[in-house]
Amino acid sequence: GNGYFRTLSHLKRIRKKLSEDEPEAKMAKTFARPSDDHKNQETHIDSNHEIEKLKQHPTIAKSILGEMGLGITFCSTVASAIESVLSSISPDDNENGSGGNAIKPTRRKSTGSKRAPGSKGQAPKINSPQTENQVIQQSRNIHGTMSRKERDKQLSIPKMKDPIEAMVVADEKKPTKRELAFRHFETTRYRALKNGDFVAAAKFQESGAWILARVVHDQNEKDMSSADLKSLPKEKRGEFLDSRVVLQDIESFNAGVKDLNKMKMVARKSILPLPRNHVESNLWLYRCRKGFRVYAMYPSTTRLYPATVIDSTSFCINEDNICVVEFDGDADEKTGKLHQKHIPGRFVTLIPKEYPVSKAS
C-alpha cells in the first residue's frame, strides 16, 4: 500500500483519539477546518491547543513523531527507487557479472543508488571518505570497480600487514591459512555489539534467511572472543548465546525513529558481526582467501547467501576493497557457468566452520 497515505490515515486516528475527552462543542471548534477568511487565526489556535494536549499525552506524541518519520522515509524510498531505476537503464547493466538469474534470491525494495563512478576499462575517480549509506547503495549496482594496485598507487597507500599471520602460536606445527583465518574470525565473532553496528542475522524472518540488519541497542559492555566464551561455565555460556539483541532490518532502519513494530529480538548465536568501517573491512578481508566459503550480500538485495571466494586481492571501489565471489546456484542459464559478483568487503563474512554450508559445494 501507499505508505504516505497510510501514515496520514494513522495520524488522523491518533488525532481523533486525542480529542475523545473533549466536550463535543469544544472539539468541533478545535478541530474544525478553518474558513478562508479566518484560516491563519484558527490554525494558530488549533496548533497551540494540540501542543498542550500532546504535552499531557507524551506516548501519543511519540507515536505521532514515529508515524511522521515513517511517512517521510516512505517518500524518500520511493524517490530513491525511481532514481535507481532510471540510473540503471544502461546497455552496461549486465557487465561485471551482474546478469544471470539462476539463484533467483528474494528481491527487496531498494533504497536506491546512483551508478558507481567509472565504467569498464576506465578507472573511476576516487572519492573518500564514504558514508555507510553510500557503500550500501554502491553495493547494489557496482559498475566501476578498479584495480586496487592503481588506487593504492594514486593515494600512496602502504600495503597492509596480513593480520592472520599474528594468529600463529609459538612452537606449533605450521597451521594452514584456513586455520589462521578462522582463528582471526573467532576473535571478533562474539565482540560487543554497539548501536548502529551492521550485522548478518539469521532467522530474522520466518524464512530463516541471513539478512543485513543494524543493532538498535548496545548488547554487551566488553568484547569477547570464542576462547573467552569457551572459558565460561556452561550455564553462563548458554545465557550469552541465547541472549537477545535488538535489531532492525536495514531496509526499515532509521536512526532517528525507533519503531517497535520493526524491531526484532534475535539470539546472539544467530548473529555475525560485520565490519564497522572500510579500514576494518579491508583488514577482515584477509580472512577471505580464494576458495574459502563466505556469506556475501547478493547485489540489489540486503540478503546474504553462501558463496565461494574467487578473488579478494585485486579490486576496489573507492576506499572499499572488493571480494569477488560465486554464489551457490547462481549459474548462467545457457552456459551453466557461475556468475562472478563484486561485493564490498563490508558485506562479506566467513561462514562459521561448524556450519555444514561452510564446506565447498
Protein backbone atom coordinates (compact mmCIF):
# COMPACT_ATOMS: atom_id res chain seq x y z
CA GLY A 1 0.00 0.00 0.00
CA ASN A 2 0.92 3.68 -0.16
CA GLY A 3 2.97 4.31 2.95
CA TYR A 4 2.40 8.08 2.82
CA PHE A 5 -1.41 7.89 2.82
CA ARG A 6 -1.32 5.07 5.35
CA THR A 7 0.66 7.37 7.63
CA LEU A 8 -1.84 10.21 7.15
CA SER A 9 -4.71 7.88 7.98
CA HIS A 10 -2.95 6.71 11.14
CA LEU A 11 -2.27 10.31 12.20
CA LYS A 12 -5.95 11.17 11.77
CA ARG A 13 -6.91 8.27 14.04
CA ILE A 14 -4.41 9.42 16.66
CA ARG A 15 -5.77 12.95 16.42
CA LYS A 16 -9.30 11.66 16.91
CA LYS A 17 -8.22 9.66 19.94
CA LEU A 18 -6.56 12.73 21.36
CA SER A 19 -9.86 14.61 21.19
CA GLU A 20 -12.06 11.92 22.73
CA ASP A 21 -12.01 13.55 26.17
CA GLU A 22 -13.10 16.95 24.76
CA PRO A 23 -16.71 18.23 25.04
CA GLU A 24 -18.41 17.97 21.67
CA ALA A 25 -18.76 21.69 21.09
CA LYS A 26 -15.16 22.42 22.08
CA MET A 27 -13.89 19.57 19.99
CA ALA A 28 -15.81 20.79 16.94
CA LYS A 29 -14.34 24.26 17.37
CA THR A 30 -10.83 22.98 17.99
CA PHE A 31 -10.54 20.53 15.11
CA ALA A 32 -12.87 22.20 12.59
CA ARG A 33 -11.39 23.13 9.24
CA PRO A 34 -10.91 26.92 9.22
CA SER A 35 -12.65 29.09 6.65
CA ASP A 36 -10.59 31.02 4.16
CA ASP A 37 -11.31 34.31 5.99
CA HIS A 38 -10.04 33.15 9.35
CA LYS A 39 -7.63 30.44 8.28
CA ASN A 40 -4.47 31.87 9.81
CA GLN A 41 -6.07 32.78 13.15
CA GLU A 42 -7.85 29.47 13.74
CA THR A 43 -4.88 27.40 12.58
CA HIS A 44 -2.77 29.14 15.21
CA ILE A 45 -5.36 28.31 17.90
CA ASP A 46 -5.55 24.69 16.76
CA SER A 47 -1.77 24.30 16.92
CA ASN A 48 -1.45 25.77 20.41
CA HIS A 49 -4.27 23.64 21.74
CA GLU A 50 -2.91 20.43 20.22
CA ILE A 51 0.59 21.14 21.54
CA GLU A 52 -0.84 21.47 25.05
CA LYS A 53 -2.75 18.21 24.63
CA LEU A 54 0.37 16.43 23.36
CA LYS A 55 2.33 17.62 26.40
CA GLN A 56 -0.28 15.84 28.51
CA HIS A 57 -0.02 12.67 26.39
CA PRO A 58 3.71 12.00 25.71
CA THR A 59 3.01 8.46 24.47
CA ILE A 60 0.69 9.76 21.76
CA ALA A 61 3.19 12.49 20.87
CA LYS A 62 5.91 9.86 20.44
CA SER A 63 3.61 7.78 18.24
CA ILE A 64 2.88 10.79 16.03
CA LEU A 65 6.59 11.52 15.60
CA GLY A 66 7.22 7.89 14.69
CA GLU A 67 4.45 7.88 12.10
CA MET A 68 5.67 11.14 10.57
CA GLY A 69 9.17 9.70 10.31
CA LEU A 70 7.87 6.56 8.58
CA GLY A 71 5.89 8.67 6.12
CA ILE A 72 8.96 10.71 5.23
CA THR A 73 11.05 7.52 4.95
CA PHE A 74 8.48 6.02 2.59
CA CYS A 75 8.52 9.07 0.32
CA SER A 76 12.33 9.10 0.31
CA THR A 77 12.42 5.36 -0.50
CA VAL A 78 10.04 5.79 -3.45
CA ALA A 79 12.06 8.72 -4.81
CA SER A 80 15.34 6.82 -4.44
CA ALA A 81 13.85 3.70 -6.05
CA ILE A 82 12.74 5.71 -9.07
CA GLU A 83 16.20 7.30 -9.27
CA SER A 84 17.78 3.85 -9.07
CA VAL A 85 15.62 2.51 -11.91
CA LEU A 86 16.41 5.49 -14.13
CA SER A 87 20.14 5.33 -13.42
CA SER A 88 20.28 1.59 -14.08
CA ILE A 89 18.75 1.81 -17.58
CA SER A 90 22.01 1.30 -19.45
CA PRO A 91 23.48 -1.13 -22.01
CA ASP A 92 26.20 -1.90 -19.45
CA ASP A 93 23.77 -3.36 -16.92
CA ASN A 94 24.96 -6.91 -17.44
CA GLU A 95 28.66 -6.13 -17.31
CA ASN A 96 30.84 -7.17 -14.38
CA GLY A 97 28.79 -10.31 -13.91
CA SER A 98 25.61 -8.53 -12.91
CA GLY A 99 23.49 -10.62 -15.25
CA GLY A 100 22.04 -14.03 -14.61
CA ASN A 101 19.08 -15.13 -12.55
CA ALA A 102 19.64 -18.75 -11.70
CA ILE A 103 19.82 -18.14 -7.97
CA LYS A 104 16.65 -16.02 -8.02
CA PRO A 105 17.03 -14.61 -4.49
CA THR A 106 14.09 -12.74 -2.97
CA ARG A 107 14.33 -9.15 -4.13
CA ARG A 108 13.84 -6.50 -1.50
CA LYS A 109 12.79 -2.89 -2.09
CA SER A 110 15.84 -0.87 -2.94
CA THR A 111 16.55 2.38 -1.16
CA GLY A 112 18.14 3.45 -4.41
CA SER A 113 21.60 4.18 -5.65
CA LYS A 114 23.43 6.28 -8.14
CA ARG A 115 25.61 4.49 -10.61
CA ALA A 116 29.10 3.98 -9.24
CA PRO A 117 31.69 6.26 -10.85
CA GLY A 118 33.72 4.87 -13.71
CA SER A 119 32.97 2.26 -16.33
CA LYS A 120 34.56 -0.77 -17.89
CA GLY A 121 38.11 -0.05 -18.98
CA GLN A 122 38.23 3.29 -17.15
CA ALA A 123 39.42 3.80 -13.57
CA PRO A 124 36.76 5.63 -11.53
CA LYS A 125 37.54 8.79 -9.65
CA ILE A 126 38.33 8.11 -6.01
CA ASN A 127 36.07 9.83 -3.51
CA SER A 128 36.92 9.44 0.17
CA PRO A 129 35.61 9.01 2.75
CA GLN A 130 32.22 7.46 2.00
CA THR A 131 29.20 7.25 4.25
CA GLU A 132 27.78 3.84 5.15
CA ASN A 133 24.68 4.52 3.05
CA GLN A 134 26.81 5.33 0.01
CA VAL A 135 28.60 1.99 0.35
CA ILE A 136 25.28 0.14 0.63
CA GLN A 137 23.97 1.95 -2.45
CA GLN A 138 27.10 1.18 -4.46
CA SER A 139 26.95 -2.49 -3.47
CA ARG A 140 23.53 -2.71 -5.14
CA ASN A 141 24.75 -1.72 -8.60
CA ILE A 142 28.52 -1.80 -8.98
CA HIS A 143 29.75 -0.81 -12.43
CA GLY A 144 33.11 0.83 -11.70
CA THR A 145 35.41 -1.36 -9.66
CA MET A 146 39.05 -0.56 -10.31
CA SER A 147 42.44 -2.11 -9.73
CA ARG A 148 43.42 -1.98 -6.08
CA LYS A 149 47.06 -1.51 -7.05
CA GLU A 150 46.11 1.54 -9.11
CA ARG A 151 44.16 3.06 -6.22
CA ASP A 152 46.94 2.41 -3.73
CA LYS A 153 49.41 3.97 -6.14
CA GLN A 154 47.23 7.08 -6.61
CA LEU A 155 46.76 7.58 -2.88
CA SER A 156 50.18 6.27 -1.77
CA ILE A 157 48.51 3.70 0.47
CA PRO A 158 51.08 1.37 2.09
CA LYS A 159 50.45 -2.36 1.90
CA MET A 160 48.55 -3.60 4.94
CA LYS A 161 50.19 -6.32 7.01
CA ASP A 162 48.35 -9.63 6.84
CA PRO A 163 46.57 -9.84 10.25
CA ILE A 164 46.08 -13.60 10.23
CA GLU A 165 49.83 -14.14 10.49
CA ALA A 166 49.58 -12.88 14.08
CA MET A 167 47.41 -15.93 14.87
CA VAL A 168 50.40 -18.29 14.71
CA VAL A 169 51.23 -19.76 18.11
CA ALA A 170 54.88 -20.21 19.03
CA ASP A 171 56.36 -23.70 18.61
CA GLU A 172 53.25 -25.12 16.93
CA LYS A 173 53.22 -27.04 13.69
CA LYS A 174 52.68 -24.57 10.87
CA PRO A 175 48.91 -24.14 10.53
CA THR A 176 47.09 -23.70 7.23
CA LYS A 177 45.89 -20.30 6.02
CA ARG A 178 42.35 -21.53 6.54
CA GLU A 179 43.02 -22.35 10.18
CA LEU A 180 44.65 -18.97 10.78
CA ALA A 181 41.76 -17.20 9.07
CA PHE A 182 39.25 -18.88 11.35
CA ARG A 183 41.32 -18.07 14.43
CA HIS A 184 41.17 -14.41 13.44
CA PHE A 185 37.44 -14.70 12.71
CA GLU A 186 36.75 -16.18 16.14
CA THR A 187 38.45 -13.23 17.89
CA THR A 188 35.65 -10.92 16.70
CA ARG A 189 32.71 -13.29 16.26
CA TYR A 190 31.32 -12.53 19.74
CA ARG A 191 32.54 -8.99 20.17
CA ALA A 192 30.38 -6.36 21.87
CA LEU A 193 27.62 -5.10 19.58
CA LYS A 194 27.08 -1.35 19.58
CA ASN A 195 24.12 0.74 18.49
CA GLY A 196 24.30 1.18 14.72
CA ASP A 197 26.59 -1.80 14.02
CA PHE A 198 25.96 -3.72 10.81
CA VAL A 199 25.40 -7.45 11.31
CA ALA A 200 24.31 -10.50 9.38
CA ALA A 201 21.33 -12.02 11.16
CA ALA A 202 19.79 -15.47 10.72
CA LYS A 203 16.16 -16.32 11.49
CA PHE A 204 15.24 -12.64 11.44
CA GLN A 205 12.23 -13.67 9.42
CA GLU A 206 10.33 -16.94 9.18
CA SER A 207 12.24 -17.86 6.03
CA GLY A 208 15.41 -18.10 8.13
CA ALA A 209 17.43 -16.14 5.56
CA TRP A 210 20.53 -14.22 6.61
CA ILE A 211 19.87 -10.52 6.16
CA LEU A 212 21.68 -7.25 6.62
CA ALA A 213 20.49 -5.58 9.84
CA ARG A 214 21.63 -2.93 12.31
CA VAL A 215 21.88 -3.06 16.07
CA VAL A 216 19.36 -0.78 17.81
CA HIS A 217 20.70 -1.01 21.39
CA ASP A 218 24.16 -1.87 22.78
CA GLN A 219 24.32 -5.59 23.52
CA ASN A 220 27.17 -6.09 26.00
CA GLU A 221 29.90 -3.97 27.56
CA LYS A 222 33.10 -5.77 26.53
CA ASP A 223 34.43 -7.71 23.58
CA MET A 224 34.54 -11.48 23.90
CA SER A 225 36.43 -13.95 21.74
CA SER A 226 35.34 -17.53 21.16
CA ALA A 227 38.12 -18.60 23.54
CA ASP A 228 36.71 -16.30 26.24
CA LEU A 229 33.27 -17.75 25.63
CA LYS A 230 34.50 -21.33 25.95
CA SER A 231 36.17 -20.48 29.27
CA LEU A 232 32.81 -19.55 30.81
CA PRO A 233 30.80 -22.09 32.83
CA LYS A 234 28.31 -23.97 30.64
CA GLU A 235 25.33 -22.13 32.13
CA LYS A 236 26.87 -18.69 31.58
CA ARG A 237 27.92 -19.64 28.06
CA GLY A 238 24.37 -20.69 27.25
CA GLU A 239 22.97 -17.47 28.68
CA PHE A 240 25.26 -15.40 26.47
CA LEU A 241 24.49 -17.33 23.28
CA ASP A 242 20.73 -17.16 23.93
CA SER A 243 20.75 -13.50 24.98
CA ARG A 244 18.59 -11.37 22.71
CA VAL A 245 19.89 -8.49 20.62
CA VAL A 246 17.52 -5.78 19.38
CA LEU A 247 17.93 -5.49 15.61
CA GLN A 248 16.21 -3.71 12.77
CA ASP A 249 16.22 -4.77 9.14
CA ILE A 250 18.44 -2.34 7.22
CA GLU A 251 15.57 -1.59 4.83
CA SER A 252 13.47 -0.16 7.68
CA PHE A 253 16.30 1.20 9.86
CA ASN A 254 16.03 4.89 10.68
CA ALA A 255 18.42 6.16 13.34
CA GLY A 256 16.00 8.94 14.27
CA VAL A 257 12.90 6.77 14.58
CA LYS A 258 12.67 3.78 16.91
CA ASP A 259 9.67 1.84 15.60
CA LEU A 260 8.95 -1.07 17.95
CA ASN A 261 6.92 -2.81 15.25
CA LYS A 262 10.01 -3.11 13.06
CA MET A 263 12.45 -4.24 15.75
CA LYS A 264 13.22 -7.92 16.26
CA MET A 265 14.87 -9.78 19.12
CA VAL A 266 17.47 -12.17 17.70
CA ALA A 267 19.62 -14.60 19.69
CA ARG A 268 23.32 -13.65 19.82
CA LYS A 269 24.29 -17.08 18.45
CA SER A 270 22.36 -16.23 15.26
CA ILE A 271 24.30 -13.02 14.58
CA LEU A 272 27.60 -12.48 12.79
CA PRO A 273 29.22 -9.03 13.18
CA LEU A 274 30.19 -7.14 10.04
CA PRO A 275 32.98 -4.54 9.75
CA ARG A 276 32.26 -1.09 11.20
CA ASN A 277 34.23 0.87 8.60
CA HIS A 278 36.35 0.44 5.48
CA VAL A 279 39.59 0.08 7.47
CA GLU A 280 38.22 -2.84 9.46
CA SER A 281 36.61 -4.23 6.32
CA ASN A 282 39.88 -4.25 4.41
CA LEU A 283 41.59 -5.89 7.38
CA TRP A 284 38.97 -8.62 7.76
CA LEU A 285 39.02 -9.34 4.04
CA TYR A 286 42.42 -11.01 4.56
CA ARG A 287 40.42 -13.85 6.12
CA CYS A 288 38.57 -14.45 2.87
CA ARG A 289 41.10 -16.24 0.67
CA LYS A 290 40.46 -17.83 -2.69
CA GLY A 291 38.33 -20.94 -2.28
CA PHE A 292 37.07 -20.00 1.19
CA ARG A 293 33.34 -20.13 1.94
CA VAL A 294 31.58 -16.91 2.90
CA TYR A 295 28.21 -15.28 3.35
CA ALA A 296 28.04 -12.33 0.95
CA MET A 297 25.31 -9.81 0.21
CA TYR A 298 23.79 -10.56 -3.19
CA PRO A 299 23.66 -7.46 -5.46
CA SER A 300 20.41 -5.47 -5.40
CA THR A 301 19.26 -7.19 -2.19
CA THR A 302 20.02 -6.94 1.51
CA ARG A 303 20.30 -10.69 1.95
CA LEU A 304 23.46 -12.70 2.40
CA TYR A 305 23.88 -16.03 0.62
CA PRO A 306 26.57 -18.74 0.70
CA ALA A 307 29.32 -18.16 -1.85
CA THR A 308 32.87 -19.18 -2.70
CA VAL A 309 35.66 -16.60 -2.89
CA ILE A 310 37.27 -16.25 -6.31
CA ASP A 311 39.48 -13.24 -5.59
CA SER A 312 39.88 -10.85 -2.65
CA THR A 313 43.10 -9.02 -3.55
CA SER A 314 42.64 -7.36 -6.95
CA PHE A 315 39.74 -4.91 -6.96
CA CYS A 316 38.28 -1.99 -5.03
CA ILE A 317 35.64 0.70 -5.28
CA ASN A 318 36.87 3.94 -3.73
CA GLU A 319 38.31 3.05 -0.29
CA ASP A 320 36.47 -0.28 -0.01
CA ASN A 321 38.25 -3.44 -1.11
CA ILE A 322 36.19 -5.87 -3.18
CA CYS A 323 35.62 -9.59 -2.74
CA VAL A 324 34.82 -11.44 -5.98
CA VAL A 325 32.56 -14.41 -5.29
CA GLU A 326 30.46 -17.06 -6.98
CA PHE A 327 27.12 -17.59 -5.28
CA ASP A 328 25.83 -21.14 -4.94
CA GLY A 329 23.41 -21.91 -7.76
CA ASP A 330 23.89 -18.54 -9.50
CA ALA A 331 24.67 -20.10 -12.88
CA ASP A 332 24.07 -18.76 -16.36
CA GLU A 333 21.03 -20.49 -17.83
CA LYS A 334 22.75 -21.05 -21.17
CA THR A 335 26.34 -21.93 -20.25
CA GLY A 336 25.85 -23.26 -16.73
CA LYS A 337 28.85 -21.20 -15.61
CA LEU A 338 28.58 -19.43 -12.26
CA HIS A 339 28.47 -15.64 -12.40
CA GLN A 340 31.20 -13.73 -10.59
CA LYS A 341 29.94 -10.87 -8.41
CA HIS A 342 31.94 -7.97 -6.98
CA ILE A 343 30.90 -7.40 -3.34
CA PRO A 344 32.29 -4.73 -0.96
CA GLY A 345 34.21 -6.39 1.86
CA ARG A 346 31.90 -4.70 4.41
CA PHE A 347 29.18 -7.13 3.42
CA VAL A 348 31.18 -10.37 3.40
CA THR A 349 31.90 -12.68 6.34
CA LEU A 350 33.38 -16.13 6.74
CA ILE A 351 30.84 -18.88 7.29
CA PRO A 352 31.47 -20.45 10.74
CA LYS A 353 33.27 -23.72 10.14
CA GLU A 354 30.74 -25.71 12.17
CA TYR A 355 28.02 -24.82 9.65
CA PRO A 356 27.53 -27.55 7.01
CA VAL A 357 27.32 -24.89 4.26
CA SER A 358 30.92 -23.86 5.08
CA LYS A 359 32.09 -26.89 3.14
CA ALA A 360 32.63 -26.32 -0.57
CA SER A 361 29.61 -27.37 -2.62
